[in-house]
Amino acid sequence: MSIETGVGRITMTEKVLHKIVAGAVVDTEGVALGTGDSADLSERLRAAGKSGRILLKVLEDGVDVELRIDVRFGERIQEVCRELRSNVETSVEKLAGMPVVAVSIIVEGLVGARTDRF
């Protein structure tokens, strides 16, 4: 994919865009990545970018992102998704310079032990 600037053209691979989105997923509180809290950043990025969990479609007018995530039990799903959508849009637009057409989020499961609240 290429971005035309006033000075020239910038070309980036889909792998780079994939890593930008994975970084936004890692930065979102409440998204379960399948790694321990003590995992280093590279391990968390690898978990976030697991095969099939981030789908990108590069369109003429921007990028369409589909995410399949697990949310930690006890987190408010709507708030986690709202923050994730914002993080993805901001990261892609700032780092890649590409507009985000849509961010679709599919919550596949809840992870973690249930804790009863009194």
Protein backbone atom coordinates (compact mmCIF):
# COMPACT_ATOMS: atom_id res chain seq x y z
CA MET A 1 0.00 0.00 0.00
CA SER A 2 1.24 3.46 -0.82
CA ILE A 3 0.64 6.94 0.52
CA GLU A 4 1.30 9.89 -1.74
CA THR A 5 2.84 12.91 -0.02
CA GLY A 6 3.77 16.28 -1.42
CA VAL A 7 7.40 15.23 -1.50
CA GLY A 8 7.11 11.62 -2.66
CA ARG A 9 5.52 8.27 -2.03
CA ILE A 10 5.63 6.11 1.09
CA THR A 11 5.09 2.38 0.67
CA MET A 12 4.42 0.02 3.57
CA THR A 13 3.59 -3.65 3.74
CA GLU A 14 0.41 -5.04 5.25
CA LYS A 15 2.61 -6.63 7.93
CA VAL A 16 3.55 -3.17 9.22
CA LEU A 17 -0.08 -2.09 9.38
CA HIS A 18 -0.90 -5.37 11.12
CA LYS A 19 1.72 -4.61 13.81
CA ILE A 20 0.34 -1.10 14.32
CA VAL A 21 -3.14 -2.54 14.94
CA ALA A 22 -1.72 -5.25 17.24
CA GLY A 23 0.01 -2.52 19.25
CA ALA A 24 -3.31 -0.72 19.69
CA VAL A 25 -4.90 -3.97 20.90
CA VAL A 26 -2.09 -4.47 23.44
CA ASP A 27 -2.54 -0.91 24.72
CA THR A 28 -6.26 -1.38 25.38
CA GLU A 29 -7.18 -2.18 28.97
CA GLY A 30 -9.61 -5.08 29.34
CA VAL A 31 -8.65 -7.04 26.22
CA ALA A 32 -7.45 -10.54 27.18
CA LEU A 33 -4.40 -11.56 25.17
CA GLY A 34 -3.82 -15.08 26.46
CA THR A 35 -0.52 -14.14 28.08
CA GLY A 36 0.32 -13.49 31.67
CA ASP A 37 0.48 -9.95 32.98
CA SER A 38 4.25 -10.35 33.28
CA ALA A 39 4.74 -11.17 29.59
CA ASP A 40 7.10 -8.89 27.71
CA LEU A 41 5.89 -6.60 24.95
CA SER A 42 7.00 -8.81 22.05
CA GLU A 43 5.11 -11.78 23.50
CA ARG A 44 1.99 -9.66 24.04
CA LEU A 45 2.19 -8.32 20.47
CA ARG A 46 2.54 -11.86 19.13
CA ALA A 47 -0.57 -12.90 21.13
CA ALA A 48 -2.51 -9.86 19.90
CA GLY A 49 -1.60 -10.60 16.29
CA LYS A 50 -2.54 -14.29 16.44
CA SER A 51 -3.56 -15.69 13.10
CA GLY A 52 -7.05 -14.68 12.08
CA ARG A 53 -7.69 -12.26 14.94
CA ILE A 54 -6.81 -9.12 12.98
CA LEU A 55 -8.18 -8.80 9.44
CA LEU A 56 -7.31 -5.79 7.30
CA LYS A 57 -8.84 -4.63 4.05
CA VAL A 58 -7.07 -1.80 2.29
CA LEU A 59 -9.61 0.20 0.31
CA GLU A 60 -9.27 3.25 -1.91
CA ASP A 61 -10.46 5.59 0.83
CA GLY A 62 -8.69 3.97 3.79
CA VAL A 63 -8.39 0.84 5.90
CA ASP A 64 -11.18 -1.43 7.11
CA VAL A 65 -10.20 -3.31 10.29
CA GLU A 66 -11.93 -6.36 11.78
CA LEU A 67 -10.84 -7.57 15.23
CA ARG A 68 -11.77 -10.75 17.07
CA ILE A 69 -11.05 -10.36 20.76
CA ASP A 70 -11.57 -11.87 24.17
CA VAL A 71 -12.48 -9.56 27.05
CA ARG A 72 -11.45 -10.07 30.66
CA PHE A 73 -14.36 -11.18 32.81
CA GLY A 74 -15.74 -8.29 34.85
CA GLU A 75 -14.85 -5.58 32.32
CA ARG A 76 -17.58 -3.56 30.65
CA ILE A 77 -17.61 -4.88 27.11
CA GLN A 78 -18.97 -1.70 25.51
CA GLU A 79 -16.30 0.45 27.17
CA VAL A 80 -13.50 -1.94 26.19
CA CYS A 81 -14.73 -1.95 22.56
CA ARG A 82 -15.12 1.84 22.49
CA GLU A 83 -11.57 2.34 23.79
CA LEU A 84 -10.19 -0.29 21.40
CA ARG A 85 -11.88 1.33 18.40
CA SER A 86 -10.45 4.72 19.38
CA ASN A 87 -6.94 3.28 19.93
CA VAL A 88 -6.94 1.55 16.54
CA GLU A 89 -8.17 4.64 14.68
CA THR A 90 -5.65 6.92 16.39
CA SER A 91 -2.70 4.54 15.91
CA VAL A 92 -3.35 3.83 12.23
CA GLU A 93 -4.02 7.46 11.37
CA LYS A 94 -0.99 8.79 13.29
CA LEU A 95 1.57 6.10 12.52
CA ALA A 96 0.54 5.01 9.03
CA GLY A 97 -1.07 8.24 7.86
CA MET A 98 -4.06 6.32 6.52
CA PRO A 99 -7.70 7.03 7.33
CA VAL A 100 -9.69 4.26 9.02
CA VAL A 101 -12.97 3.56 7.27
CA ALA A 102 -14.37 1.17 9.90
CA VAL A 103 -13.32 -0.85 12.93
CA SER A 104 -15.50 -3.93 13.46
CA ILE A 105 -15.04 -5.74 16.76
CA ILE A 106 -16.28 -9.25 17.44
CA VAL A 107 -16.12 -10.34 21.08
CA GLU A 108 -15.55 -14.09 20.97
CA GLY A 109 -15.33 -14.80 24.67
CA LEU A 110 -14.75 -13.81 28.26
CA VAL A 111 -11.52 -14.81 29.94
CA GLY A 112 -10.77 -15.12 33.61
CA ALA A 113 -12.42 -16.30 36.78
CA ARG A 114 -15.76 -15.01 37.83
CA THR A 115 -15.67 -12.97 40.99
CA ASP A 116 -18.93 -12.42 42.82
CA ARG A 117 -19.48 -8.84 43.86
CA PHE A 118 -21.47 -7.97 46.94
